N, C-alpha and C. Protein backbone atom coordinates (compact mmCIF):
# COMPACT_ATOMS: atom_id res chain seq x y z
N MET A 1 -6.61 6.95 5.33
CA MET A 1 -5.23 6.97 4.88
C MET A 1 -5.20 7.32 3.39
N SER A 2 -4.50 8.35 3.05
CA SER A 2 -4.50 8.81 1.66
C SER A 2 -3.41 8.16 0.82
N SER A 3 -2.40 7.60 1.47
CA SER A 3 -1.35 7.00 0.66
C SER A 3 -0.75 5.79 1.36
N LEU A 4 -0.05 4.99 0.59
CA LEU A 4 0.59 3.80 1.11
C LEU A 4 1.65 4.17 2.14
N ALA A 5 2.38 5.25 1.89
CA ALA A 5 3.43 5.68 2.82
C ALA A 5 2.85 6.04 4.18
N GLU A 6 1.70 6.74 4.20
CA GLU A 6 1.06 7.10 5.46
C GLU A 6 0.60 5.85 6.20
N PHE A 7 0.03 4.90 5.45
CA PHE A 7 -0.40 3.65 6.07
C PHE A 7 0.77 2.91 6.69
N LEU A 8 1.88 2.80 5.94
CA LEU A 8 3.05 2.09 6.47
C LEU A 8 3.61 2.78 7.71
N ARG A 9 3.64 4.13 7.71
CA ARG A 9 4.08 4.87 8.90
C ARG A 9 3.18 4.57 10.09
N TYR A 10 1.88 4.61 9.87
CA TYR A 10 0.92 4.33 10.93
C TYR A 10 1.09 2.90 11.44
N PHE A 11 1.23 1.94 10.51
CA PHE A 11 1.39 0.53 10.87
C PHE A 11 2.66 0.32 11.70
N MET A 12 3.78 0.90 11.24
CA MET A 12 5.05 0.73 11.97
C MET A 12 4.98 1.39 13.35
N LYS A 13 4.35 2.54 13.45
CA LYS A 13 4.21 3.23 14.73
C LYS A 13 3.38 2.38 15.69
N THR A 14 2.29 1.80 15.19
CA THR A 14 1.44 0.95 16.01
C THR A 14 2.19 -0.28 16.49
N VAL A 15 2.90 -0.92 15.59
CA VAL A 15 3.67 -2.11 15.95
C VAL A 15 4.74 -1.74 16.98
N TRP A 16 5.41 -0.62 16.76
CA TRP A 16 6.47 -0.17 17.68
C TRP A 16 5.90 0.05 19.08
N GLN A 17 4.70 0.63 19.16
CA GLN A 17 4.08 0.90 20.46
C GLN A 17 3.60 -0.38 21.13
N MET A 18 3.27 -1.38 20.33
CA MET A 18 2.78 -2.65 20.90
C MET A 18 3.90 -3.47 21.53
N ILE A 19 5.12 -3.22 21.12
CA ILE A 19 6.24 -4.02 21.62
C ILE A 19 6.55 -3.63 23.06
N ASN A 20 6.52 -4.64 23.92
CA ASN A 20 6.92 -4.45 25.31
C ASN A 20 8.41 -4.78 25.36
N TRP A 21 9.24 -3.75 25.36
CA TRP A 21 10.68 -3.95 25.22
C TRP A 21 11.29 -4.67 26.41
N LYS A 22 10.60 -4.69 27.54
CA LYS A 22 11.14 -5.40 28.72
C LYS A 22 10.93 -6.90 28.62
N LYS A 23 9.90 -7.29 27.90
CA LYS A 23 9.60 -8.72 27.76
C LYS A 23 9.61 -9.10 26.28
N ILE A 24 10.73 -8.95 25.67
CA ILE A 24 10.83 -9.28 24.25
C ILE A 24 10.87 -10.80 24.10
N ASN A 25 9.96 -11.30 23.31
CA ASN A 25 9.91 -12.72 23.01
C ASN A 25 10.50 -12.89 21.61
N TYR A 26 11.74 -13.31 21.56
CA TYR A 26 12.44 -13.39 20.27
C TYR A 26 11.79 -14.40 19.34
N TRP A 27 11.20 -15.45 19.89
CA TRP A 27 10.53 -16.44 19.05
C TRP A 27 9.35 -15.79 18.32
N LYS A 28 8.62 -14.90 19.04
CA LYS A 28 7.50 -14.20 18.41
C LYS A 28 7.98 -13.29 17.29
N ILE A 29 9.10 -12.62 17.50
CA ILE A 29 9.64 -11.73 16.46
C ILE A 29 9.99 -12.54 15.22
N VAL A 30 10.66 -13.68 15.43
CA VAL A 30 11.01 -14.56 14.31
C VAL A 30 9.75 -15.05 13.61
N THR A 31 8.74 -15.40 14.40
CA THR A 31 7.48 -15.88 13.83
C THR A 31 6.83 -14.81 12.98
N TYR A 32 6.79 -13.57 13.47
CA TYR A 32 6.19 -12.48 12.70
C TYR A 32 6.98 -12.19 11.42
N ILE A 33 8.28 -12.31 11.49
CA ILE A 33 9.09 -12.14 10.28
C ILE A 33 8.75 -13.24 9.27
N ILE A 34 8.59 -14.46 9.76
CA ILE A 34 8.22 -15.57 8.87
C ILE A 34 6.83 -15.33 8.29
N TYR A 35 5.89 -14.84 9.12
CA TYR A 35 4.56 -14.49 8.61
C TYR A 35 4.68 -13.51 7.45
N ALA A 36 5.47 -12.46 7.66
CA ALA A 36 5.63 -11.43 6.63
C ALA A 36 6.21 -12.02 5.35
N ILE A 37 7.22 -12.87 5.48
CA ILE A 37 7.86 -13.49 4.31
C ILE A 37 6.85 -14.34 3.55
N VAL A 38 6.10 -15.16 4.27
CA VAL A 38 5.12 -16.04 3.62
C VAL A 38 4.05 -15.20 2.92
N ILE A 39 3.58 -14.14 3.57
CA ILE A 39 2.56 -13.29 2.96
C ILE A 39 3.09 -12.61 1.70
N ILE A 40 4.32 -12.09 1.78
CA ILE A 40 4.92 -11.43 0.61
C ILE A 40 5.07 -12.41 -0.55
N PHE A 41 5.56 -13.62 -0.26
CA PHE A 41 5.72 -14.60 -1.33
C PHE A 41 4.38 -15.06 -1.88
N ALA A 42 3.37 -15.17 -1.02
CA ALA A 42 2.04 -15.56 -1.49
C ALA A 42 1.47 -14.50 -2.43
N ILE A 43 1.60 -13.23 -2.03
CA ILE A 43 1.09 -12.14 -2.87
C ILE A 43 1.83 -12.10 -4.21
N THR A 44 3.16 -12.22 -4.17
CA THR A 44 3.92 -12.17 -5.42
C THR A 44 3.62 -13.39 -6.30
N ALA A 45 3.39 -14.55 -5.68
CA ALA A 45 3.05 -15.73 -6.47
C ALA A 45 1.70 -15.55 -7.15
N ILE A 46 0.74 -14.96 -6.43
CA ILE A 46 -0.58 -14.70 -7.02
C ILE A 46 -0.47 -13.69 -8.16
N LEU A 47 0.28 -12.61 -7.91
CA LEU A 47 0.44 -11.59 -8.96
C LEU A 47 1.20 -12.13 -10.17
N ALA A 48 2.13 -13.07 -9.93
CA ALA A 48 2.89 -13.65 -11.04
C ALA A 48 2.01 -14.54 -11.91
N LYS A 49 1.01 -15.17 -11.31
CA LYS A 49 0.14 -16.07 -12.06
C LYS A 49 -1.05 -15.36 -12.69
N PHE A 50 -1.61 -14.39 -11.95
CA PHE A 50 -2.84 -13.74 -12.40
C PHE A 50 -2.63 -12.24 -12.52
N SER A 51 -3.46 -11.63 -13.31
CA SER A 51 -3.46 -10.18 -13.44
C SER A 51 -4.51 -9.63 -12.49
N ILE A 52 -4.10 -8.84 -11.52
CA ILE A 52 -5.03 -8.27 -10.55
C ILE A 52 -5.08 -6.76 -10.79
N GLY A 53 -6.27 -6.27 -11.10
CA GLY A 53 -6.43 -4.85 -11.40
C GLY A 53 -5.66 -4.43 -12.64
N GLY A 54 -5.44 -5.39 -13.55
CA GLY A 54 -4.70 -5.10 -14.77
C GLY A 54 -3.20 -5.09 -14.58
N ILE A 55 -2.74 -5.40 -13.35
CA ILE A 55 -1.30 -5.41 -13.07
C ILE A 55 -0.80 -6.84 -13.04
N LYS A 56 0.29 -7.07 -13.72
CA LYS A 56 0.93 -8.39 -13.75
C LYS A 56 2.36 -8.23 -13.26
N LEU A 57 2.82 -9.18 -12.51
CA LEU A 57 4.17 -9.15 -11.95
C LEU A 57 5.03 -10.15 -12.71
N LEU A 58 6.17 -9.68 -13.24
CA LEU A 58 7.05 -10.55 -14.01
C LEU A 58 8.49 -10.38 -13.54
N THR A 59 9.30 -11.40 -13.75
CA THR A 59 10.70 -11.38 -13.36
C THR A 59 11.57 -11.14 -14.59
N VAL A 60 12.53 -10.22 -14.48
CA VAL A 60 13.45 -9.92 -15.58
C VAL A 60 14.59 -10.94 -15.53
N GLN A 61 14.78 -11.66 -16.64
CA GLN A 61 15.73 -12.77 -16.67
C GLN A 61 17.08 -12.42 -17.29
N SER A 62 17.19 -11.22 -17.88
CA SER A 62 18.47 -10.86 -18.51
C SER A 62 18.84 -9.42 -18.17
N GLY A 63 20.04 -9.05 -18.55
CA GLY A 63 20.52 -7.70 -18.27
C GLY A 63 20.36 -6.74 -19.44
N SER A 64 19.48 -7.06 -20.39
CA SER A 64 19.36 -6.24 -21.60
C SER A 64 18.79 -4.84 -21.32
N MET A 65 18.16 -4.63 -20.18
CA MET A 65 17.59 -3.31 -19.87
C MET A 65 18.41 -2.56 -18.82
N GLU A 66 19.57 -3.07 -18.49
CA GLU A 66 20.40 -2.36 -17.51
C GLU A 66 20.94 -1.09 -18.11
N PRO A 67 21.09 -0.03 -17.39
CA PRO A 67 20.96 0.12 -15.94
C PRO A 67 19.54 0.45 -15.48
N ALA A 68 18.59 0.69 -16.40
CA ALA A 68 17.23 1.08 -15.99
C ALA A 68 16.55 -0.02 -15.17
N ILE A 69 16.65 -1.26 -15.64
CA ILE A 69 16.06 -2.40 -14.95
C ILE A 69 17.13 -3.48 -14.85
N LYS A 70 17.50 -3.81 -13.64
CA LYS A 70 18.57 -4.78 -13.42
C LYS A 70 18.07 -6.21 -13.59
N MET A 71 18.98 -7.10 -13.97
CA MET A 71 18.65 -8.51 -14.07
C MET A 71 18.22 -9.01 -12.69
N GLY A 72 17.16 -9.81 -12.65
CA GLY A 72 16.64 -10.31 -11.38
C GLY A 72 15.61 -9.39 -10.75
N SER A 73 15.27 -8.31 -11.44
CA SER A 73 14.25 -7.39 -10.91
C SER A 73 12.86 -7.98 -11.13
N VAL A 74 11.92 -7.49 -10.33
CA VAL A 74 10.52 -7.79 -10.55
C VAL A 74 9.91 -6.52 -11.13
N VAL A 75 9.20 -6.67 -12.26
CA VAL A 75 8.55 -5.52 -12.88
C VAL A 75 7.03 -5.65 -12.72
N PHE A 76 6.40 -4.52 -12.44
CA PHE A 76 4.95 -4.45 -12.36
C PHE A 76 4.48 -3.87 -13.68
N VAL A 77 3.72 -4.67 -14.42
CA VAL A 77 3.31 -4.31 -15.77
C VAL A 77 1.80 -4.11 -15.80
N LYS A 78 1.37 -3.01 -16.39
CA LYS A 78 -0.07 -2.71 -16.51
C LYS A 78 -0.44 -2.49 -17.96
N SER A 79 -1.49 -3.17 -18.40
CA SER A 79 -1.97 -3.05 -19.77
C SER A 79 -2.56 -1.66 -20.01
N GLN A 80 -2.36 -1.15 -21.21
CA GLN A 80 -2.88 0.17 -21.62
C GLN A 80 -3.45 0.07 -23.02
N ASP A 81 -4.18 1.10 -23.41
CA ASP A 81 -4.73 1.13 -24.77
C ASP A 81 -3.67 1.47 -25.81
N ASN A 82 -2.75 2.40 -25.44
CA ASN A 82 -1.68 2.75 -26.37
C ASN A 82 -0.38 2.99 -25.60
N TYR A 83 0.71 2.91 -26.33
CA TYR A 83 2.04 3.04 -25.73
C TYR A 83 2.83 4.09 -26.50
N GLN A 84 3.71 4.77 -25.79
CA GLN A 84 4.46 5.87 -26.38
C GLN A 84 5.91 5.48 -26.64
N LYS A 85 6.51 6.15 -27.59
CA LYS A 85 7.93 6.00 -27.88
C LYS A 85 8.71 6.38 -26.61
N GLY A 86 9.69 5.56 -26.24
CA GLY A 86 10.49 5.80 -25.04
C GLY A 86 9.98 5.04 -23.83
N GLY A 87 8.75 4.54 -23.91
CA GLY A 87 8.19 3.76 -22.81
C GLY A 87 8.75 2.34 -22.79
N ILE A 88 8.77 1.74 -21.62
CA ILE A 88 9.26 0.36 -21.49
C ILE A 88 8.04 -0.56 -21.43
N ILE A 89 8.01 -1.54 -22.34
CA ILE A 89 6.88 -2.47 -22.40
C ILE A 89 7.38 -3.91 -22.25
N THR A 90 6.45 -4.76 -21.87
CA THR A 90 6.70 -6.20 -21.86
C THR A 90 5.79 -6.80 -22.91
N PHE A 91 6.36 -7.64 -23.77
CA PHE A 91 5.58 -8.25 -24.84
C PHE A 91 5.94 -9.72 -24.97
N LYS A 92 4.96 -10.47 -25.52
CA LYS A 92 5.15 -11.91 -25.71
C LYS A 92 5.94 -12.17 -26.99
N ASN A 93 6.71 -13.23 -26.97
CA ASN A 93 7.44 -13.67 -28.14
C ASN A 93 6.43 -14.25 -29.14
N SER A 94 6.50 -13.83 -30.39
CA SER A 94 5.52 -14.31 -31.39
C SER A 94 5.64 -15.81 -31.64
N ASN A 95 6.81 -16.39 -31.45
CA ASN A 95 7.01 -17.83 -31.67
C ASN A 95 6.68 -18.65 -30.43
N ASN A 96 6.85 -18.05 -29.24
CA ASN A 96 6.58 -18.75 -27.98
C ASN A 96 5.87 -17.78 -27.03
N PRO A 97 4.54 -17.79 -27.00
CA PRO A 97 3.78 -16.81 -26.21
C PRO A 97 4.04 -16.88 -24.69
N LYS A 98 4.61 -17.98 -24.21
CA LYS A 98 4.91 -18.08 -22.77
C LYS A 98 6.16 -17.27 -22.41
N GLU A 99 6.95 -16.95 -23.41
CA GLU A 99 8.19 -16.20 -23.21
C GLU A 99 7.93 -14.71 -23.42
N THR A 100 8.40 -13.88 -22.47
CA THR A 100 8.19 -12.44 -22.59
C THR A 100 9.52 -11.70 -22.62
N THR A 101 9.48 -10.51 -23.18
CA THR A 101 10.65 -9.63 -23.26
C THR A 101 10.23 -8.26 -22.76
N THR A 102 11.11 -7.62 -21.99
CA THR A 102 10.86 -6.26 -21.51
C THR A 102 11.92 -5.36 -22.12
N HIS A 103 11.49 -4.49 -23.05
CA HIS A 103 12.40 -3.57 -23.74
C HIS A 103 11.72 -2.21 -23.93
N ARG A 104 12.53 -1.23 -24.33
CA ARG A 104 12.06 0.14 -24.56
C ARG A 104 11.59 0.30 -26.01
N ILE A 105 10.50 1.04 -26.20
CA ILE A 105 9.98 1.34 -27.55
C ILE A 105 10.86 2.42 -28.17
N ILE A 106 11.39 2.11 -29.37
CA ILE A 106 12.21 3.12 -30.06
C ILE A 106 11.52 3.65 -31.31
N ASP A 107 10.48 2.92 -31.78
CA ASP A 107 9.75 3.39 -32.95
C ASP A 107 8.36 2.74 -32.96
N ILE A 108 7.41 3.43 -33.57
CA ILE A 108 6.04 2.92 -33.68
C ILE A 108 5.61 3.00 -35.14
N LYS A 109 5.00 1.89 -35.62
CA LYS A 109 4.54 1.82 -37.01
C LYS A 109 3.04 1.49 -37.00
N LYS A 110 2.24 2.32 -37.70
CA LYS A 110 0.80 2.10 -37.80
C LYS A 110 0.43 1.89 -39.25
N GLU A 111 -0.08 0.69 -39.57
CA GLU A 111 -0.52 0.37 -40.93
C GLU A 111 -1.78 -0.47 -40.88
N ASN A 112 -2.81 -0.05 -41.63
CA ASN A 112 -4.06 -0.81 -41.73
C ASN A 112 -4.61 -1.26 -40.37
N ASN A 113 -4.75 -0.33 -39.46
CA ASN A 113 -5.26 -0.60 -38.10
C ASN A 113 -4.39 -1.57 -37.30
N LEU A 114 -3.18 -1.80 -37.75
CA LEU A 114 -2.25 -2.66 -37.02
C LEU A 114 -1.12 -1.77 -36.47
N ILE A 115 -0.91 -1.85 -35.18
CA ILE A 115 0.16 -1.08 -34.54
C ILE A 115 1.28 -2.03 -34.17
N GLN A 116 2.51 -1.65 -34.53
CA GLN A 116 3.68 -2.45 -34.19
C GLN A 116 4.72 -1.54 -33.53
N TYR A 117 5.47 -2.15 -32.62
CA TYR A 117 6.50 -1.41 -31.89
C TYR A 117 7.87 -2.00 -32.16
N GLN A 118 8.81 -1.14 -32.50
CA GLN A 118 10.20 -1.59 -32.59
C GLN A 118 10.81 -1.31 -31.23
N THR A 119 11.46 -2.32 -30.68
CA THR A 119 12.00 -2.22 -29.32
C THR A 119 13.49 -2.53 -29.30
N ARG A 120 14.10 -2.11 -28.20
CA ARG A 120 15.52 -2.40 -28.00
C ARG A 120 15.79 -2.35 -26.50
N GLY A 121 16.64 -3.26 -26.06
CA GLY A 121 17.09 -3.21 -24.67
C GLY A 121 18.09 -2.07 -24.52
N ASP A 122 18.05 -1.38 -23.38
CA ASP A 122 18.96 -0.25 -23.17
C ASP A 122 20.43 -0.66 -23.27
N ALA A 123 20.74 -1.90 -22.90
CA ALA A 123 22.13 -2.37 -22.94
C ALA A 123 22.50 -2.96 -24.30
N ASN A 124 21.55 -3.05 -25.20
CA ASN A 124 21.81 -3.62 -26.53
C ASN A 124 22.18 -2.52 -27.52
N ASN A 125 23.03 -2.87 -28.48
CA ASN A 125 23.46 -1.92 -29.50
C ASN A 125 22.48 -1.81 -30.66
N ALA A 126 21.76 -2.91 -30.93
CA ALA A 126 20.86 -2.94 -32.08
C ALA A 126 19.43 -3.19 -31.62
N PRO A 127 18.44 -2.74 -32.43
CA PRO A 127 17.04 -3.02 -32.08
C PRO A 127 16.73 -4.50 -32.22
N ASP A 128 15.62 -4.90 -31.61
CA ASP A 128 15.18 -6.30 -31.73
C ASP A 128 14.88 -6.61 -33.19
N SER A 129 15.12 -7.85 -33.59
CA SER A 129 14.97 -8.22 -35.00
C SER A 129 13.52 -8.20 -35.46
N GLN A 130 12.58 -8.47 -34.57
CA GLN A 130 11.17 -8.47 -34.95
C GLN A 130 10.43 -7.32 -34.26
N TRP A 131 9.48 -6.76 -34.96
CA TRP A 131 8.61 -5.74 -34.38
C TRP A 131 7.57 -6.44 -33.53
N ALA A 132 7.16 -5.83 -32.44
CA ALA A 132 6.15 -6.41 -31.55
C ALA A 132 4.78 -5.89 -31.92
N ASP A 133 3.86 -6.79 -32.29
CA ASP A 133 2.48 -6.41 -32.58
C ASP A 133 1.80 -5.94 -31.31
N ASN A 134 0.88 -5.02 -31.44
CA ASN A 134 0.13 -4.51 -30.29
C ASN A 134 -0.58 -5.64 -29.55
N SER A 135 -1.03 -6.66 -30.28
CA SER A 135 -1.74 -7.79 -29.67
C SER A 135 -0.82 -8.62 -28.76
N LEU A 136 0.50 -8.52 -28.94
CA LEU A 136 1.45 -9.28 -28.14
C LEU A 136 1.93 -8.52 -26.90
N VAL A 137 1.58 -7.25 -26.79
CA VAL A 137 2.06 -6.44 -25.68
C VAL A 137 1.27 -6.79 -24.42
N VAL A 138 1.99 -7.16 -23.37
CA VAL A 138 1.39 -7.47 -22.07
C VAL A 138 1.03 -6.18 -21.36
N GLY A 139 1.94 -5.19 -21.42
CA GLY A 139 1.67 -3.90 -20.80
C GLY A 139 2.92 -3.07 -20.64
N LYS A 140 2.71 -1.89 -20.06
CA LYS A 140 3.81 -0.96 -19.80
C LYS A 140 4.36 -1.22 -18.41
N VAL A 141 5.68 -1.14 -18.29
CA VAL A 141 6.32 -1.32 -16.99
C VAL A 141 6.06 -0.06 -16.17
N LYS A 142 5.38 -0.24 -15.03
CA LYS A 142 5.07 0.89 -14.15
C LYS A 142 6.22 1.16 -13.19
N PHE A 143 6.78 0.10 -12.62
CA PHE A 143 7.98 0.23 -11.80
C PHE A 143 8.62 -1.13 -11.61
N ALA A 144 9.86 -1.11 -11.17
CA ALA A 144 10.64 -2.34 -10.98
C ALA A 144 11.28 -2.33 -9.59
N ILE A 145 11.37 -3.52 -9.01
CA ILE A 145 12.05 -3.68 -7.73
C ILE A 145 13.26 -4.58 -7.99
N PRO A 146 14.47 -4.04 -7.83
CA PRO A 146 15.67 -4.81 -8.14
C PRO A 146 15.86 -6.03 -7.24
N TYR A 147 16.36 -7.10 -7.84
CA TYR A 147 16.83 -8.31 -7.17
C TYR A 147 15.76 -9.15 -6.49
N ILE A 148 14.53 -8.71 -6.40
CA ILE A 148 13.46 -9.48 -5.75
C ILE A 148 13.09 -10.69 -6.60
N GLY A 149 13.39 -10.63 -7.87
CA GLY A 149 13.07 -11.73 -8.77
C GLY A 149 13.84 -13.00 -8.48
N TYR A 150 15.03 -12.88 -7.89
CA TYR A 150 15.82 -14.07 -7.58
C TYR A 150 15.10 -14.98 -6.58
N PRO A 151 14.65 -14.47 -5.41
CA PRO A 151 13.95 -15.36 -4.50
C PRO A 151 12.61 -15.84 -5.06
N ILE A 152 11.95 -14.99 -5.87
CA ILE A 152 10.68 -15.42 -6.46
C ILE A 152 10.93 -16.55 -7.46
N GLY A 153 11.97 -16.41 -8.27
CA GLY A 153 12.34 -17.48 -9.19
C GLY A 153 12.71 -18.75 -8.44
N PHE A 154 13.43 -18.58 -7.31
CA PHE A 154 13.79 -19.73 -6.49
C PHE A 154 12.54 -20.37 -5.88
N ALA A 155 11.57 -19.55 -5.48
CA ALA A 155 10.33 -20.07 -4.88
C ALA A 155 9.52 -20.91 -5.87
N ARG A 156 9.75 -20.70 -7.16
CA ARG A 156 9.02 -21.46 -8.18
C ARG A 156 9.61 -22.85 -8.41
N THR A 157 10.79 -23.12 -7.82
CA THR A 157 11.40 -24.45 -7.93
C THR A 157 10.95 -25.29 -6.74
N LEU A 158 11.14 -26.61 -6.81
CA LEU A 158 10.74 -27.50 -5.71
C LEU A 158 11.51 -27.19 -4.42
N PRO A 159 12.86 -27.06 -4.47
CA PRO A 159 13.57 -26.71 -3.23
C PRO A 159 13.13 -25.34 -2.68
N GLY A 160 12.87 -24.40 -3.57
CA GLY A 160 12.42 -23.08 -3.15
C GLY A 160 11.05 -23.14 -2.50
N LEU A 161 10.16 -23.92 -3.08
CA LEU A 161 8.83 -24.10 -2.50
C LEU A 161 8.94 -24.68 -1.09
N ILE A 162 9.80 -25.65 -0.93
CA ILE A 162 9.97 -26.28 0.39
C ILE A 162 10.58 -25.29 1.38
N ILE A 163 11.65 -24.61 0.99
CA ILE A 163 12.37 -23.73 1.91
C ILE A 163 11.61 -22.43 2.19
N LEU A 164 11.02 -21.83 1.17
CA LEU A 164 10.40 -20.51 1.35
C LEU A 164 8.91 -20.54 1.66
N ILE A 165 8.23 -21.65 1.39
CA ILE A 165 6.80 -21.71 1.63
C ILE A 165 6.44 -22.79 2.65
N ILE A 166 6.80 -24.03 2.39
CA ILE A 166 6.36 -25.14 3.24
C ILE A 166 6.95 -25.08 4.64
N ILE A 167 8.27 -24.89 4.76
CA ILE A 167 8.88 -24.84 6.09
C ILE A 167 8.35 -23.66 6.91
N PRO A 168 8.33 -22.43 6.37
CA PRO A 168 7.75 -21.33 7.16
C PRO A 168 6.28 -21.56 7.51
N ALA A 169 5.50 -22.11 6.58
CA ALA A 169 4.09 -22.39 6.87
C ALA A 169 3.96 -23.42 7.99
N THR A 170 4.82 -24.42 7.99
CA THR A 170 4.81 -25.43 9.05
C THR A 170 5.16 -24.80 10.40
N ILE A 171 6.13 -23.91 10.42
CA ILE A 171 6.50 -23.22 11.66
C ILE A 171 5.33 -22.38 12.16
N ILE A 172 4.65 -21.69 11.26
CA ILE A 172 3.49 -20.88 11.64
C ILE A 172 2.39 -21.77 12.22
N ILE A 173 2.09 -22.86 11.56
CA ILE A 173 1.04 -23.77 12.04
C ILE A 173 1.42 -24.33 13.41
N TYR A 174 2.68 -24.74 13.57
CA TYR A 174 3.15 -25.27 14.86
C TYR A 174 3.01 -24.21 15.96
N ASP A 175 3.38 -22.98 15.66
CA ASP A 175 3.27 -21.90 16.63
C ASP A 175 1.81 -21.65 17.01
N GLU A 176 0.93 -21.69 16.03
CA GLU A 176 -0.50 -21.48 16.32
C GLU A 176 -1.06 -22.62 17.16
N ILE A 177 -0.63 -23.84 16.90
CA ILE A 177 -1.07 -24.99 17.71
C ILE A 177 -0.62 -24.80 19.15
N LEU A 178 0.61 -24.35 19.35
CA LEU A 178 1.10 -24.07 20.71
C LEU A 178 0.28 -22.97 21.38
N ASN A 179 -0.06 -21.93 20.65
CA ASN A 179 -0.89 -20.85 21.20
C ASN A 179 -2.28 -21.34 21.59
N ILE A 180 -2.88 -22.17 20.76
CA ILE A 180 -4.20 -22.74 21.07
C ILE A 180 -4.11 -23.62 22.31
N ARG A 181 -3.07 -24.41 22.38
CA ARG A 181 -2.87 -25.29 23.54
C ARG A 181 -2.72 -24.49 24.83
N LYS A 182 -1.94 -23.41 24.78
CA LYS A 182 -1.78 -22.52 25.95
C LYS A 182 -3.12 -21.94 26.36
N GLU A 183 -3.90 -21.51 25.40
CA GLU A 183 -5.21 -20.89 25.68
C GLU A 183 -6.16 -21.91 26.31
N ILE A 184 -6.14 -23.14 25.82
CA ILE A 184 -7.00 -24.19 26.40
C ILE A 184 -6.59 -24.45 27.84
N LYS A 185 -5.29 -24.55 28.12
CA LYS A 185 -4.82 -24.77 29.49
C LYS A 185 -5.21 -23.61 30.39
N LYS A 186 -5.09 -22.40 29.88
CA LYS A 186 -5.43 -21.21 30.65
C LYS A 186 -6.92 -21.21 31.01
N ARG A 187 -7.78 -21.57 30.07
CA ARG A 187 -9.22 -21.62 30.33
C ARG A 187 -9.57 -22.71 31.32
N ARG A 188 -8.88 -23.84 31.22
CA ARG A 188 -9.14 -24.94 32.18
C ARG A 188 -8.77 -24.48 33.59
N ARG A 189 -7.63 -23.80 33.73
CA ARG A 189 -7.22 -23.30 35.05
C ARG A 189 -8.23 -22.29 35.58
N THR A 190 -8.74 -21.44 34.70
CA THR A 190 -9.73 -20.43 35.09
C THR A 190 -11.01 -21.09 35.56
N LYS A 191 -11.46 -22.16 34.85
CA LYS A 191 -12.67 -22.87 35.24
C LYS A 191 -12.48 -23.56 36.58
N ARG A 192 -11.32 -24.16 36.81
CA ARG A 192 -11.05 -24.83 38.09
C ARG A 192 -11.06 -23.82 39.23
N GLY A 193 -10.54 -22.65 38.97
CA GLY A 193 -10.48 -21.59 40.00
C GLY A 193 -11.86 -21.09 40.36
N THR A 194 -12.79 -21.07 39.43
CA THR A 194 -14.14 -20.55 39.71
C THR A 194 -15.02 -21.62 40.36
N LYS A 195 -14.71 -22.93 40.20
CA LYS A 195 -15.49 -23.99 40.79
C LYS A 195 -15.28 -24.06 42.30
N ARG A 196 -14.15 -23.68 42.81
CA ARG A 196 -13.83 -23.81 44.24
C ARG A 196 -14.58 -22.86 45.06
């Protein structure tokens, strides 16, 4: 498979062919949807905490980059050696390194081996008051997915963890226990049939 699109087409075609439309088990469909949701949230939670392949996943908390990046979007940020004017970067706040900002570079200043970027949100009239040092830059925004940040932000809260992770995981475990139980009963019946 040369691209993600080809893989997804192949995957969807395979799944479509596997479905026996005469014997649709709606519980199984719901279970597979829950599987997909749990997997997606697990992957996004991992990417939000750790940098994998230099890519970090962050949630946009304000509308300062609209219309390019909507509030509640998830941005995929990748670290680079240098950044260009006009590029969108995410950088840490110099006063609070846990806080990040995603804005467009409008100017670059190089002095004594120190590179600084002047940034501004597309929806803002004025540039940011402080220049961002190169050491504070998390990376360049590669792409953004609108509105996905809302459920991810919700998943980081206790009610979100319960509703989006624990309950679906419990349903999956319960379904697997039922499947194991069915298989055990089926094998017992098969053994009884061969003993006679």
